[in-house]
Amino acid sequence: MSLREKQLWVSLVVGAVVWGGYFSRAVPVLLDPAHLHPARTIGLAFVIALAVFIVAEAVLAGVVAWFQRRHRPAQDQALTEAGLIAGQAALWLLSGLVILGLVGLFAVGAGMESGVSLPLPAGAGTGLALLGNLLLFALIVSEGVRTVLTLLLVRRPR
């Protein structure tokens, strides 16, 4: 396995653990109407999760690089080609998720203008935190798909 593949695995595992933990904390706070300061709580949790993600990924990637003994150029070329294909698929997925999010926001806005009451948490700060988390979720999912597709495509038989 090449260094780049190992680093992709590190990124996938660290991302799943850190962002999974973040969303398991963020969703209950955002959906709790009794929470006093959900935007502040989620903002602080995001900053902490981002810092943990960056530090953990950097340290683990450094450890993997330290123990990597050989350079494998043939695998690196296959990984580059797989990364290009996976990156295109992830871009389409991210675009689709953002468009779906925008359609949903337009639908919510149209419903609110029509007088339809929606079971949404109260407060503009909570709404903005919810929107930010939806966009963050779309970004994390598309990046995870890119990583998984790259790892799958590099191992496909030629």
C-alpha atoms as a PDB file:
ATOM      1  CA  MET A   1       0.000   0.000   0.000  1.00  0.00           C
ATOM      2  CA  SER A   2       1.404   3.389  -0.974  1.00  0.00           C
ATOM      3  CA  LEU A   3       1.905   6.303   1.387  1.00  0.00           C
ATOM      4  CA  ARG A   4      -0.970   8.196  -0.218  1.00  0.00           C
ATOM      5  CA  GLU A   5      -3.342   5.259   0.291  1.00  0.00           C
ATOM      6  CA  LYS A   6      -2.365   5.022   3.942  1.00  0.00           C
ATOM      7  CA  GLN A   7      -2.929   8.742   4.351  1.00  0.00           C
ATOM      8  CA  LEU A   8      -6.359   8.419   2.729  1.00  0.00           C
ATOM      9  CA  TRP A   9      -7.238   5.717   5.253  1.00  0.00           C
ATOM     10  CA  VAL A  10      -6.035   7.962   8.090  1.00  0.00           C
ATOM     11  CA  SER A  11      -8.171  10.813   6.761  1.00  0.00           C
ATOM     12  CA  LEU A  12     -11.209   8.571   6.410  1.00  0.00           C
ATOM     13  CA  VAL A  13     -10.950   7.125   9.924  1.00  0.00           C
ATOM     14  CA  VAL A  14     -10.101  10.408  11.651  1.00  0.00           C
ATOM     15  CA  GLY A  15     -12.874  12.203   9.760  1.00  0.00           C
ATOM     16  CA  ALA A  16     -15.466   9.560  10.614  1.00  0.00           C
ATOM     17  CA  VAL A  17     -14.545   9.604  14.307  1.00  0.00           C
ATOM     18  CA  VAL A  18     -14.205  13.372  14.762  1.00  0.00           C
ATOM     19  CA  TRP A  19     -17.117  14.516  12.617  1.00  0.00           C
ATOM     20  CA  GLY A  20     -19.305  11.646  13.792  1.00  0.00           C
ATOM     21  CA  GLY A  21     -18.678  12.784  17.358  1.00  0.00           C
ATOM     22  CA  TYR A  22     -19.343  16.396  16.408  1.00  0.00           C
ATOM     23  CA  PHE A  23     -22.665  15.654  14.731  1.00  0.00           C
ATOM     24  CA  SER A  24     -23.743  13.355  17.571  1.00  0.00           C
ATOM     25  CA  ARG A  25     -23.323  16.389  19.850  1.00  0.00           C
ATOM     26  CA  ALA A  26     -24.613  19.047  17.454  1.00  0.00           C
ATOM     27  CA  VAL A  27     -27.892  17.480  16.338  1.00  0.00           C
ATOM     28  CA  PRO A  28     -29.436  17.128  19.838  1.00  0.00           C
ATOM     29  CA  VAL A  29     -28.409  20.690  20.732  1.00  0.00           C
ATOM     30  CA  LEU A  30     -29.888  22.112  17.517  1.00  0.00           C
ATOM     31  CA  LEU A  31     -33.149  20.215  17.945  1.00  0.00           C
ATOM     32  CA  ASP A  32     -33.586  21.107  21.637  1.00  0.00           C
ATOM     33  CA  PRO A  33     -35.826  24.198  21.817  1.00  0.00           C
ATOM     34  CA  ALA A  34     -34.991  24.637  25.518  1.00  0.00           C
ATOM     35  CA  HIS A  35     -31.254  25.035  24.908  1.00  0.00           C
ATOM     36  CA  LEU A  36     -30.281  28.616  25.796  1.00  0.00           C
ATOM     37  CA  HIS A  37     -27.436  29.243  23.356  1.00  0.00           C
ATOM     38  CA  PRO A  38     -27.365  26.567  20.652  1.00  0.00           C
ATOM     39  CA  ALA A  39     -25.403  28.625  18.104  1.00  0.00           C
ATOM     40  CA  ARG A  40     -22.636  29.389  20.624  1.00  0.00           C
ATOM     41  CA  THR A  41     -22.494  25.786  21.807  1.00  0.00           C
ATOM     42  CA  ILE A  42     -22.349  24.407  18.280  1.00  0.00           C
ATOM     43  CA  GLY A  43     -19.856  27.061  17.167  1.00  0.00           C
ATOM     44  CA  LEU A  44     -17.507  26.137  20.012  1.00  0.00           C
ATOM     45  CA  ALA A  45     -17.995  22.424  19.311  1.00  0.00           C
ATOM     46  CA  PHE A  46     -17.162  23.049  15.633  1.00  0.00           C
ATOM     47  CA  VAL A  47     -13.954  24.915  16.447  1.00  0.00           C
ATOM     48  CA  ILE A  48     -12.883  22.142  18.835  1.00  0.00           C
ATOM     49  CA  ALA A  49     -13.754  19.401  16.312  1.00  0.00           C
ATOM     50  CA  LEU A  50     -11.866  21.212  13.557  1.00  0.00           C
ATOM     51  CA  ALA A  51      -8.782  21.619  15.750  1.00  0.00           C
ATOM     52  CA  VAL A  52      -8.898  17.965  16.834  1.00  0.00           C
ATOM     53  CA  PHE A  53      -9.346  16.855  13.221  1.00  0.00           C
ATOM     54  CA  ILE A  54      -6.384  18.898  11.979  1.00  0.00           C
ATOM     55  CA  VAL A  55      -4.057  17.850  14.800  1.00  0.00           C
ATOM     56  CA  ALA A  56      -5.059  14.162  14.715  1.00  0.00           C
ATOM     57  CA  GLU A  57      -4.763  13.907  10.956  1.00  0.00           C
ATOM     58  CA  ALA A  58      -1.408  15.703  10.912  1.00  0.00           C
ATOM     59  CA  VAL A  59       0.039  13.546  13.689  1.00  0.00           C
ATOM     60  CA  LEU A  60      -1.220  10.273  12.225  1.00  0.00           C
ATOM     61  CA  ALA A  61      -0.120  11.205   8.699  1.00  0.00           C
ATOM     62  CA  GLY A  62       3.308  12.036  10.116  1.00  0.00           C
ATOM     63  CA  VAL A  63       3.466   8.676  11.889  1.00  0.00           C
ATOM     64  CA  VAL A  64       2.463   6.858   8.694  1.00  0.00           C
ATOM     65  CA  ALA A  65       5.067   8.782   6.690  1.00  0.00           C
ATOM     66  CA  TRP A  66       7.714   8.038   9.299  1.00  0.00           C
ATOM     67  CA  PHE A  67       7.131   4.290   8.982  1.00  0.00           C
ATOM     68  CA  GLN A  68       6.805   4.267   5.178  1.00  0.00           C
ATOM     69  CA  ARG A  69       9.897   2.533   3.856  1.00  0.00           C
ATOM     70  CA  ARG A  70       9.584   2.566   0.081  1.00  0.00           C
ATOM     71  CA  HIS A  71       8.215   4.811  -2.618  1.00  0.00           C
ATOM     72  CA  ARG A  72       5.971   3.046  -5.131  1.00  0.00           C
ATOM     73  CA  PRO A  73       5.616   5.241  -8.246  1.00  0.00           C
ATOM     74  CA  ALA A  74       3.359   2.805 -10.148  1.00  0.00           C
ATOM     75  CA  GLN A  75       0.817   2.808  -7.334  1.00  0.00           C
ATOM     76  CA  ASP A  76       1.067   6.578  -7.048  1.00  0.00           C
ATOM     77  CA  GLN A  77       0.135   6.951 -10.743  1.00  0.00           C
ATOM     78  CA  ALA A  78      -2.871   4.656 -10.295  1.00  0.00           C
ATOM     79  CA  LEU A  79      -3.848   6.615  -7.188  1.00  0.00           C
ATOM     80  CA  THR A  80      -3.636   9.900  -9.082  1.00  0.00           C
ATOM     81  CA  GLU A  81      -5.921   8.580 -11.813  1.00  0.00           C
ATOM     82  CA  ALA A  82      -8.363   7.154  -9.243  1.00  0.00           C
ATOM     83  CA  GLY A  83      -8.293  10.451  -7.343  1.00  0.00           C
ATOM     84  CA  LEU A  84      -9.235  12.407 -10.454  1.00  0.00           C
ATOM     85  CA  ILE A  85     -12.227  10.161 -11.146  1.00  0.00           C
ATOM     86  CA  ALA A  86     -13.329  10.147  -7.502  1.00  0.00           C
ATOM     87  CA  GLY A  87     -12.882  13.911  -7.241  1.00  0.00           C
ATOM     88  CA  GLN A  88     -15.236  14.451 -10.157  1.00  0.00           C
ATOM     89  CA  ALA A  89     -17.868  12.172  -8.591  1.00  0.00           C
ATOM     90  CA  ALA A  90     -17.503  13.933  -5.230  1.00  0.00           C
ATOM     91  CA  LEU A  91     -17.884  17.336  -6.883  1.00  0.00           C
ATOM     92  CA  TRP A  92     -21.135  16.225  -8.518  1.00  0.00           C
ATOM     93  CA  LEU A  93     -22.366  14.865  -5.184  1.00  0.00           C
ATOM     94  CA  LEU A  94     -21.464  18.063  -3.344  1.00  0.00           C
ATOM     95  CA  SER A  95     -23.177  20.168  -6.000  1.00  0.00           C
ATOM     96  CA  GLY A  96     -26.276  18.009  -5.787  1.00  0.00           C
ATOM     97  CA  LEU A  97     -26.399  18.186  -1.988  1.00  0.00           C
ATOM     98  CA  VAL A  98     -25.999  21.970  -2.006  1.00  0.00           C
ATOM     99  CA  ILE A  99     -28.743  22.293  -4.630  1.00  0.00           C
ATOM    100  CA  LEU A 100     -31.035  20.022  -2.591  1.00  0.00           C
ATOM    101  CA  GLY A 101     -30.291  22.132   0.473  1.00  0.00           C
ATOM    102  CA  LEU A 102     -31.149  25.312  -1.397  1.00  0.00           C
ATOM    103  CA  VAL A 103     -34.382  23.813  -2.731  1.00  0.00           C
ATOM    104  CA  GLY A 104     -35.261  22.812   0.826  1.00  0.00           C
ATOM    105  CA  LEU A 105     -34.562  26.320   2.087  1.00  0.00           C
ATOM    106  CA  PHE A 106     -36.702  27.849  -0.645  1.00  0.00           C
ATOM    107  CA  ALA A 107     -39.494  25.406   0.228  1.00  0.00           C
ATOM    108  CA  VAL A 108     -39.264  26.297   3.923  1.00  0.00           C
ATOM    109  CA  GLY A 109     -39.306  30.010   3.077  1.00  0.00           C
ATOM    110  CA  ALA A 110     -42.309  29.597   0.782  1.00  0.00           C
ATOM    111  CA  GLY A 111     -44.089  27.563   3.436  1.00  0.00           C
ATOM    112  CA  MET A 112     -43.432  30.183   6.093  1.00  0.00           C
ATOM    113  CA  GLU A 113     -44.719  32.938   3.794  1.00  0.00           C
ATOM    114  CA  SER A 114     -47.890  30.899   3.247  1.00  0.00           C
ATOM    115  CA  GLY A 115     -48.474  30.701   6.973  1.00  0.00           C
ATOM    116  CA  VAL A 116     -47.533  27.048   7.370  1.00  0.00           C
ATOM    117  CA  SER A 117     -46.035  26.479  10.794  1.00  0.00           C
ATOM    118  CA  LEU A 118     -42.994  24.255  10.708  1.00  0.00           C
ATOM    119  CA  PRO A 119     -41.569  22.386  13.708  1.00  0.00           C
ATOM    120  CA  LEU A 120     -38.244  24.207  13.528  1.00  0.00           C
ATOM    121  CA  PRO A 121     -36.172  25.389  16.490  1.00  0.00           C
ATOM    122  CA  ALA A 122     -36.818  29.031  17.289  1.00  0.00           C
ATOM    123  CA  GLY A 123     -34.250  31.765  16.824  1.00  0.00           C
ATOM    124  CA  ALA A 124     -32.254  33.165  13.945  1.00  0.00           C
ATOM    125  CA  GLY A 125     -28.977  31.986  15.487  1.00  0.00           C
ATOM    126  CA  THR A 126     -30.232  28.430  15.648  1.00  0.00           C
ATOM    127  CA  GLY A 127     -31.437  28.618  12.056  1.00  0.00           C
ATOM    128  CA  LEU A 128     -28.052  29.863  10.884  1.00  0.00           C
ATOM    129  CA  ALA A 129     -26.259  27.175  12.916  1.00  0.00           C
ATOM    130  CA  LEU A 130     -28.566  24.566  11.388  1.00  0.00           C
ATOM    131  CA  LEU A 131     -27.841  25.868   7.883  1.00  0.00           C
ATOM    132  CA  GLY A 132     -24.112  25.884   8.556  1.00  0.00           C
ATOM    133  CA  ASN A 133     -24.275  22.302   9.792  1.00  0.00           C
ATOM    134  CA  LEU A 134     -26.218  21.181   6.738  1.00  0.00           C
ATOM    135  CA  LEU A 135     -23.527  22.668   4.502  1.00  0.00           C
ATOM    136  CA  LEU A 136     -20.799  21.123   6.671  1.00  0.00           C
ATOM    137  CA  PHE A 137     -22.537  17.754   6.434  1.00  0.00           C
ATOM    138  CA  ALA A 138     -22.704  18.027   2.630  1.00  0.00           C
ATOM    139  CA  LEU A 139     -18.989  18.842   2.487  1.00  0.00           C
ATOM    140  CA  ILE A 140     -17.998  15.988   4.809  1.00  0.00           C
ATOM    141  CA  VAL A 141     -20.150  13.449   2.958  1.00  0.00           C
ATOM    142  CA  SER A 142     -18.739  14.461  -0.436  1.00  0.00           C
ATOM    143  CA  GLU A 143     -15.166  14.329   0.888  1.00  0.00           C
ATOM    144  CA  GLY A 144     -15.824  10.903   2.413  1.00  0.00           C
ATOM    145  CA  VAL A 145     -17.230   9.670  -0.886  1.00  0.00           C
ATOM    146  CA  ARG A 146     -14.158  11.015  -2.708  1.00  0.00           C
ATOM    147  CA  THR A 147     -11.836   9.208  -0.316  1.00  0.00           C
ATOM    148  CA  VAL A 148     -13.736   5.906  -0.462  1.00  0.00           C
ATOM    149  CA  LEU A 149     -14.037   6.027  -4.269  1.00  0.00           C
ATOM    150  CA  THR A 150     -10.331   6.771  -4.609  1.00  0.00           C
ATOM    151  CA  LEU A 151      -9.462   3.792  -2.416  1.00  0.00           C
ATOM    152  CA  LEU A 152     -11.864   1.531  -4.310  1.00  0.00           C
ATOM    153  CA  LEU A 153     -10.754   2.664  -7.764  1.00  0.00           C
ATOM    154  CA  VAL A 154      -7.048   2.280  -7.066  1.00  0.00           C
ATOM    155  CA  ARG A 155      -7.601  -1.400  -6.180  1.00  0.00           C
ATOM    156  CA  ARG A 156      -9.817  -2.253  -9.130  1.00  0.00           C
ATOM    157  CA  PRO A 157      -8.453  -4.814 -11.582  1.00  0.00           C
ATOM    158  CA  ARG A 158      -7.098  -3.297 -14.766  1.00  0.00           C
END
